[in-house]
Amino acid sequence: MPRTPIVTASAPAAIGPYSQGVQSGKLIFTSGQLPGTSTGTLILDDISAATRQSLSNVQAILEEAGAGLDDVVKVTIFLRDMGDFAAVNEVYAGFFSDPAPARSCVQVARLPKDVPIEIEAIAVRR
């Protein structure tokens, strides 16, 4: 099945040899989204704002592909500090309706640009 890159100016551009997202058939995969704006500003010190920005970037990529957050079936969250888990959950709950997508959340030693969070998603376009 062919891969079609997803590119939007509403989320930060890729900083390496990868696409913001890729669509293959009805499946949409977003690359991990850092808490950065499309102008390059990174949110580093407020985990709630950083989570909101990362999820907004995921949403922008999905919308560029003709999908939305209701189409997401799996989310992976990478955290610098698992102590932020409750704050992340609070913001996350405002982005997804029931039934919530399947999700993994792991603490990692370090993320690109030393951000506190990175979020990726898999969606199935209806």
Protein backbone atom coordinates (compact mmCIF):
# COMPACT_ATOMS: atom_id res chain seq x y z
CA MET A 1 0.00 0.00 0.00
CA PRO A 2 1.47 3.41 -0.90
CA ARG A 3 2.59 5.88 1.77
CA THR A 4 1.47 9.47 1.42
CA PRO A 5 3.22 12.09 3.55
CA ILE A 6 1.08 14.51 5.54
CA VAL A 7 2.42 18.06 5.73
CA THR A 8 0.78 21.00 7.46
CA ALA A 9 1.96 24.49 8.33
CA SER A 10 -0.24 24.28 11.45
CA ALA A 11 2.32 22.09 13.26
CA PRO A 12 6.10 22.31 13.53
CA ALA A 13 8.02 21.09 10.50
CA ALA A 14 9.97 17.85 10.81
CA ILE A 15 13.48 18.44 12.19
CA GLY A 16 14.98 15.37 10.53
CA PRO A 17 14.48 12.81 7.78
CA TYR A 18 10.86 11.99 8.60
CA SER A 19 7.34 13.21 7.82
CA GLN A 20 4.98 14.99 10.22
CA GLY A 21 2.62 12.16 9.42
CA VAL A 22 2.03 9.40 6.91
CA GLN A 23 -1.18 7.99 5.51
CA SER A 24 -1.44 4.48 4.11
CA GLY A 25 -4.93 3.50 3.07
CA LYS A 26 -7.23 4.50 5.92
CA LEU A 27 -4.42 4.42 8.49
CA ILE A 28 -2.81 7.67 9.63
CA PHE A 29 0.38 7.73 11.69
CA THR A 30 1.67 10.93 13.24
CA SER A 31 5.31 11.31 14.12
CA GLY A 32 5.99 12.17 17.73
CA GLN A 33 4.92 15.75 18.31
CA LEU A 34 6.96 17.96 20.58
CA PRO A 35 5.36 20.87 22.43
CA GLY A 36 6.41 23.40 19.81
CA THR A 37 4.44 25.91 17.81
CA SER A 38 4.53 26.21 14.04
CA THR A 39 6.81 29.24 14.53
CA GLY A 40 9.35 27.16 16.45
CA THR A 41 8.63 28.27 20.02
CA LEU A 42 9.02 25.36 22.47
CA ILE A 43 7.05 25.02 25.70
CA LEU A 44 9.50 23.64 28.24
CA ASP A 45 8.45 24.59 31.78
CA ASP A 46 4.67 24.05 31.96
CA ILE A 47 3.66 20.41 31.46
CA SER A 48 -0.03 21.25 31.02
CA ALA A 49 0.70 23.81 28.30
CA ALA A 50 3.26 21.46 26.73
CA THR A 51 0.73 18.60 26.64
CA ARG A 52 -1.90 20.88 25.12
CA GLN A 53 0.54 22.00 22.40
CA SER A 54 1.71 18.48 21.54
CA LEU A 55 -1.90 17.29 21.26
CA SER A 56 -2.83 20.34 19.17
CA ASN A 57 0.01 19.45 16.80
CA VAL A 58 -1.27 15.87 16.53
CA GLN A 59 -4.74 17.24 15.85
CA ALA A 60 -3.47 19.58 13.10
CA ILE A 61 -1.74 16.69 11.31
CA LEU A 62 -4.84 14.51 11.52
CA GLU A 63 -7.04 17.32 10.20
CA GLU A 64 -4.67 17.84 7.26
CA ALA A 65 -5.32 14.16 6.41
CA GLY A 66 -9.09 14.56 6.68
CA ALA A 67 -9.38 12.95 10.10
CA GLY A 68 -9.77 14.08 13.68
CA LEU A 69 -9.15 13.09 17.26
CA ASP A 70 -12.29 10.91 17.25
CA ASP A 71 -10.52 8.73 14.65
CA VAL A 72 -7.53 8.02 16.92
CA VAL A 73 -7.21 4.40 18.00
CA LYS A 74 -3.79 4.48 19.75
CA VAL A 75 -1.69 7.15 21.45
CA THR A 76 1.83 6.89 22.82
CA ILE A 77 3.09 9.48 25.29
CA PHE A 78 6.76 9.88 26.16
CA LEU A 79 7.40 11.79 29.41
CA ARG A 80 10.63 13.12 30.83
CA ASP A 81 9.13 12.82 34.34
CA MET A 82 6.41 10.35 35.30
CA GLY A 83 5.60 12.74 38.13
CA ASP A 84 3.79 14.78 35.44
CA PHE A 85 1.38 11.90 34.74
CA ALA A 86 -1.64 13.39 36.56
CA ALA A 87 -1.26 16.82 34.92
CA VAL A 88 -0.92 15.19 31.49
CA ASN A 89 -4.04 13.08 32.10
CA GLU A 90 -6.05 16.16 33.03
CA VAL A 91 -5.22 17.92 29.75
CA TYR A 92 -5.45 14.71 27.71
CA ALA A 93 -9.01 14.02 28.93
CA GLY A 94 -10.14 17.29 27.37
CA PHE A 95 -8.98 16.22 23.90
CA PHE A 96 -10.54 12.75 23.62
CA SER A 97 -14.13 11.61 24.00
CA ASP A 98 -15.31 8.18 25.12
CA PRO A 99 -14.35 5.62 24.25
CA ALA A 100 -10.82 6.92 24.70
CA PRO A 101 -8.13 5.50 22.43
CA ALA A 102 -5.77 2.82 23.65
CA ARG A 103 -2.68 4.43 25.15
CA SER A 104 0.82 3.82 26.40
CA CYS A 105 2.75 6.28 28.55
CA VAL A 106 6.42 5.80 29.34
CA GLN A 107 9.11 7.80 31.07
CA VAL A 108 12.21 8.31 28.95
CA ALA A 109 15.68 9.53 29.83
CA ARG A 110 15.70 12.35 27.28
CA LEU A 111 13.62 13.76 24.44
CA PRO A 112 14.65 15.86 21.41
CA LYS A 113 15.39 19.49 22.28
CA ASP A 114 15.06 18.52 25.98
CA VAL A 115 11.27 18.91 25.91
CA PRO A 116 9.17 17.41 28.72
CA ILE A 117 6.76 15.45 26.48
CA GLU A 118 6.31 13.93 23.03
CA ILE A 119 3.04 12.45 21.74
CA GLU A 120 2.30 10.28 18.71
CA ALA A 121 -0.96 8.82 17.44
CA ILE A 122 -2.43 6.27 15.06
CA ALA A 123 -5.83 6.97 13.54
CA VAL A 124 -8.20 5.22 11.15
CA ARG A 125 -9.92 7.62 8.76
CA ARG A 126 -13.61 6.89 8.31
